[in-house]
Each structure stands twice: as C-alpha cells, then as structure tokens.
N, C-alpha and C. Protein backbone atom coordinates (compact mmCIF):
# COMPACT_ATOMS: atom_id res chain seq x y z
N UNK A 1 -13.56 -1.58 -23.80
CA UNK A 1 -13.14 -1.64 -22.41
C UNK A 1 -13.73 -0.44 -21.70
N UNK A 2 -14.06 -0.63 -20.46
CA UNK A 2 -14.62 0.41 -19.63
C UNK A 2 -13.59 1.52 -19.41
N UNK A 3 -14.03 2.77 -19.48
CA UNK A 3 -13.11 3.91 -19.34
C UNK A 3 -12.49 3.95 -17.94
N UNK A 4 -13.26 3.60 -16.93
CA UNK A 4 -12.74 3.61 -15.57
C UNK A 4 -11.65 2.54 -15.39
N UNK A 5 -11.89 1.36 -15.95
CA UNK A 5 -10.89 0.29 -15.87
C UNK A 5 -9.62 0.68 -16.60
N UNK A 6 -9.76 1.32 -17.75
CA UNK A 6 -8.59 1.75 -18.50
C UNK A 6 -7.79 2.78 -17.70
N UNK A 7 -8.48 3.70 -17.05
CA UNK A 7 -7.80 4.70 -16.24
C UNK A 7 -7.08 4.05 -15.06
N UNK A 8 -7.71 3.09 -14.42
CA UNK A 8 -7.09 2.40 -13.29
C UNK A 8 -5.86 1.61 -13.72
N UNK A 9 -5.95 0.92 -14.86
CA UNK A 9 -4.81 0.16 -15.36
C UNK A 9 -3.66 1.09 -15.74
N UNK A 10 -3.99 2.25 -16.32
CA UNK A 10 -2.95 3.22 -16.69
C UNK A 10 -2.26 3.76 -15.46
N UNK A 11 -3.03 4.11 -14.44
CA UNK A 11 -2.43 4.62 -13.21
C UNK A 11 -1.58 3.56 -12.51
N UNK A 12 -2.03 2.32 -12.54
CA UNK A 12 -1.25 1.24 -11.93
C UNK A 12 0.06 1.03 -12.68
N UNK A 13 0.01 1.08 -14.00
CA UNK A 13 1.23 0.89 -14.79
C UNK A 13 2.20 2.05 -14.57
N UNK A 14 1.69 3.27 -14.51
CA UNK A 14 2.55 4.43 -14.27
C UNK A 14 3.15 4.36 -12.87
N UNK A 15 2.35 3.99 -11.89
CA UNK A 15 2.85 3.88 -10.52
C UNK A 15 3.93 2.81 -10.39
N UNK A 16 3.70 1.67 -10.99
CA UNK A 16 4.70 0.60 -10.92
C UNK A 16 5.97 0.97 -11.69
N UNK A 17 5.81 1.65 -12.81
CA UNK A 17 7.00 2.09 -13.56
C UNK A 17 7.79 3.12 -12.76
N UNK A 18 7.09 4.02 -12.09
CA UNK A 18 7.76 5.00 -11.24
C UNK A 18 8.49 4.32 -10.08
N UNK A 19 7.86 3.32 -9.50
CA UNK A 19 8.51 2.59 -8.41
C UNK A 19 9.74 1.85 -8.92
N UNK A 20 9.65 1.27 -10.11
CA UNK A 20 10.80 0.58 -10.69
C UNK A 20 11.94 1.56 -10.96
N UNK A 21 11.61 2.74 -11.44
CA UNK A 21 12.64 3.76 -11.67
C UNK A 21 13.28 4.19 -10.35
N UNK A 22 12.48 4.37 -9.32
CA UNK A 22 12.99 4.76 -8.01
C UNK A 22 13.96 3.71 -7.48
N UNK A 23 13.57 2.44 -7.56
CA UNK A 23 14.45 1.39 -7.06
C UNK A 23 15.70 1.24 -7.94
N UNK A 24 15.57 1.51 -9.23
CA UNK A 24 16.74 1.47 -10.10
C UNK A 24 17.74 2.55 -9.70
N UNK A 25 17.24 3.72 -9.36
CA UNK A 25 18.13 4.80 -8.93
C UNK A 25 18.78 4.48 -7.58
N UNK A 26 18.00 3.88 -6.69
CA UNK A 26 18.57 3.51 -5.39
C UNK A 26 19.58 2.37 -5.50
N UNK A 27 19.42 1.54 -6.54
CA UNK A 27 20.33 0.41 -6.71
C UNK A 27 21.75 0.86 -7.06
N UNK A 28 21.93 2.13 -7.33
CA UNK A 28 23.26 2.65 -7.66
C UNK A 28 24.19 2.61 -6.44
N UNK A 29 23.60 2.57 -5.24
CA UNK A 29 24.43 2.50 -4.03
C UNK A 29 24.96 1.07 -3.88
N UNK A 30 26.27 0.91 -3.70
CA UNK A 30 26.86 -0.43 -3.71
C UNK A 30 26.34 -1.36 -2.60
N UNK A 31 26.12 -0.87 -1.41
CA UNK A 31 25.70 -1.73 -0.31
C UNK A 31 24.29 -2.25 -0.46
N UNK A 32 23.44 -1.50 -1.09
CA UNK A 32 22.03 -1.89 -1.23
C UNK A 32 21.71 -2.47 -2.60
N UNK A 33 22.72 -2.62 -3.42
CA UNK A 33 22.48 -2.99 -4.80
C UNK A 33 21.76 -4.32 -4.95
N UNK A 34 22.18 -5.35 -4.23
CA UNK A 34 21.56 -6.67 -4.41
C UNK A 34 20.13 -6.70 -3.90
N UNK A 35 19.87 -6.08 -2.75
CA UNK A 35 18.52 -6.09 -2.17
C UNK A 35 17.56 -5.29 -3.04
N UNK A 36 17.97 -4.09 -3.41
CA UNK A 36 17.09 -3.26 -4.20
C UNK A 36 16.95 -3.77 -5.63
N UNK A 37 17.96 -4.45 -6.13
CA UNK A 37 17.85 -5.08 -7.45
C UNK A 37 16.77 -6.15 -7.47
N UNK A 38 16.70 -6.92 -6.40
CA UNK A 38 15.66 -7.96 -6.30
C UNK A 38 14.28 -7.32 -6.22
N UNK A 39 14.14 -6.26 -5.42
CA UNK A 39 12.85 -5.57 -5.31
C UNK A 39 12.46 -4.96 -6.65
N UNK A 40 13.44 -4.35 -7.33
CA UNK A 40 13.18 -3.74 -8.64
C UNK A 40 12.73 -4.80 -9.64
N UNK A 41 13.40 -5.94 -9.66
CA UNK A 41 13.02 -7.00 -10.58
C UNK A 41 11.62 -7.53 -10.25
N UNK A 42 11.30 -7.62 -8.98
CA UNK A 42 9.96 -8.05 -8.59
C UNK A 42 8.90 -7.08 -9.07
N UNK A 43 9.17 -5.80 -8.95
CA UNK A 43 8.21 -4.78 -9.42
C UNK A 43 8.06 -4.89 -10.93
N UNK A 44 9.16 -5.05 -11.65
CA UNK A 44 9.08 -5.15 -13.11
C UNK A 44 8.32 -6.40 -13.55
N UNK A 45 8.54 -7.52 -12.87
CA UNK A 45 7.79 -8.74 -13.20
C UNK A 45 6.31 -8.56 -12.91
N UNK A 46 5.98 -7.88 -11.81
CA UNK A 46 4.58 -7.63 -11.48
C UNK A 46 3.92 -6.78 -12.56
N UNK A 47 4.62 -5.74 -13.02
CA UNK A 47 4.07 -4.89 -14.08
C UNK A 47 3.90 -5.69 -15.37
N UNK A 48 4.87 -6.55 -15.67
CA UNK A 48 4.76 -7.37 -16.87
C UNK A 48 3.53 -8.28 -16.81
N UNK A 49 3.34 -8.96 -15.68
CA UNK A 49 2.18 -9.82 -15.53
C UNK A 49 0.88 -9.02 -15.55
N UNK A 50 0.90 -7.82 -14.99
CA UNK A 50 -0.28 -6.96 -15.01
C UNK A 50 -0.64 -6.59 -16.44
N UNK A 51 0.34 -6.20 -17.22
CA UNK A 51 0.08 -5.81 -18.61
C UNK A 51 -0.35 -7.00 -19.46
N UNK A 52 0.30 -8.15 -19.29
CA UNK A 52 -0.09 -9.34 -20.05
C UNK A 52 -1.49 -9.79 -19.64
N UNK A 53 -1.77 -9.75 -18.34
CA UNK A 53 -3.10 -10.13 -17.87
C UNK A 53 -4.19 -9.19 -18.37
N UNK A 54 -3.90 -7.90 -18.37
CA UNK A 54 -4.88 -6.92 -18.87
C UNK A 54 -5.10 -7.11 -20.36
N UNK A 55 -4.02 -7.37 -21.10
CA UNK A 55 -4.16 -7.61 -22.54
C UNK A 55 -4.96 -8.87 -22.83
N UNK A 56 -4.71 -9.92 -22.07
CA UNK A 56 -5.47 -11.16 -22.23
C UNK A 56 -6.93 -10.98 -21.87
N UNK A 57 -7.19 -10.21 -20.82
CA UNK A 57 -8.56 -9.96 -20.41
C UNK A 57 -9.31 -9.16 -21.47
N UNK A 58 -8.64 -8.15 -22.05
CA UNK A 58 -9.28 -7.35 -23.09
C UNK A 58 -9.53 -8.20 -24.34
N UNK A 59 -8.60 -9.08 -24.69
CA UNK A 59 -8.81 -9.96 -25.84
C UNK A 59 -9.97 -10.92 -25.58
N UNK A 60 -10.05 -11.43 -24.34
CA UNK A 60 -11.15 -12.32 -23.99
C UNK A 60 -12.49 -11.59 -24.07
N UNK A 61 -12.53 -10.33 -23.61
CA UNK A 61 -13.76 -9.54 -23.70
C UNK A 61 -14.17 -9.35 -25.15
N UNK A 62 -13.21 -9.04 -26.01
CA UNK A 62 -13.53 -8.85 -27.42
C UNK A 62 -14.04 -10.14 -28.04
N UNK A 63 -13.46 -11.26 -27.67
CA UNK A 63 -13.90 -12.55 -28.20
C UNK A 63 -15.31 -12.88 -27.72
N UNK A 64 -15.63 -12.53 -26.49
CA UNK A 64 -16.96 -12.82 -25.96
C UNK A 64 -18.01 -11.93 -26.59
N UNK A 65 -17.65 -10.72 -26.97
CA UNK A 65 -18.63 -9.82 -27.59
C UNK A 65 -18.98 -10.28 -29.00
N UNK A 66 -18.09 -11.00 -29.64
CA UNK A 66 -18.34 -11.47 -31.00
C UNK A 66 -19.22 -12.70 -31.06
N UNK A 67 -19.34 -13.44 -29.94
CA UNK A 67 -20.15 -14.66 -29.93
C UNK A 67 -21.62 -14.33 -29.71
N UNK A 68 -22.52 -15.02 -30.41
CA UNK A 68 -23.95 -14.80 -30.15
C UNK A 68 -24.35 -15.44 -28.82
N UNK A 69 -25.32 -14.85 -28.18
CA UNK A 69 -25.80 -15.37 -26.90
C UNK A 69 -26.58 -16.66 -27.14
N UNK A 70 -26.42 -17.62 -26.25
CA UNK A 70 -27.12 -18.90 -26.35
C UNK A 70 -28.33 -18.84 -25.44
N UNK A 71 -29.50 -19.06 -26.00
CA UNK A 71 -30.71 -19.04 -25.17
C UNK A 71 -31.08 -20.46 -24.79
N UNK A 72 -32.04 -20.60 -23.90
CA UNK A 72 -32.48 -21.92 -23.44
C UNK A 72 -33.12 -22.69 -24.59
N UNK A 73 -33.80 -22.03 -25.50
CA UNK A 73 -34.45 -22.70 -26.63
C UNK A 73 -33.41 -23.27 -27.58
N UNK A 74 -32.27 -22.62 -27.71
CA UNK A 74 -31.23 -23.09 -28.61
C UNK A 74 -30.53 -24.32 -28.05
N UNK A 75 -30.45 -24.44 -26.75
CA UNK A 75 -29.69 -25.54 -26.15
C UNK A 75 -30.52 -26.78 -25.86
N UNK A 76 -31.84 -26.71 -26.05
CA UNK A 76 -32.66 -27.88 -25.76
C UNK A 76 -32.63 -28.86 -26.92
N UNK A 77 -32.68 -30.18 -26.63
CA UNK A 77 -32.66 -31.16 -27.72
C UNK A 77 -33.96 -31.09 -28.53
N UNK A 78 -33.82 -31.31 -29.81
CA UNK A 78 -35.02 -31.25 -30.68
C UNK A 78 -35.51 -32.67 -30.96
N UNK A 79 -36.83 -32.78 -31.19
CA UNK A 79 -37.43 -34.07 -31.50
C UNK A 79 -37.06 -34.46 -32.92
N UNK A 80 -36.85 -35.75 -33.14
CA UNK A 80 -36.50 -36.24 -34.49
C UNK A 80 -37.74 -36.81 -35.16
N UNK A 81 -38.78 -36.06 -35.29
CA UNK A 81 -40.03 -36.54 -35.90
C UNK A 81 -40.02 -36.34 -37.37
C-alpha cells in the first residue's frame, strides 16, 4: 500500500474516532442525548465502512499483484493446425 494513502487513512480514522468521542461526551447531557446519539452512531458507522472498505481495497490490491499480466498475444485465439 502507498505510504501516503496509509497516512491519509490513519488520519481519517483518528479524526473520526475523535469526533465520535466528542459526541459521546456531549451525549451525556439529557436534552441533547437523542440527537447527539444519532450523530455519534452515524460517525461510528462511517468509520466502520471506511475501515472495511480500506481493508477490502488493500486485499483487492494484493490479489491483483499476484495475478500475471495478460498480454494481447495471450488473449488471441490460436489456429488449430
């Protein structure tokens, strides 16, 4: 995986986790509990999808690196002489 992409994904995960913590702390207030709980849950679901998507993308990249490249000569039909 590219080092820049890894750094960006790490910063995004840390930022979203910090936002989830912030909203969790704010949810302690009784009047705002339901609204901020919904926002907190949305942030957590977004982080979950981000992590699952990044993991799937990295697995797909690894799978693609293991496959040999197909050239035009390999894909052309051969004569049955």
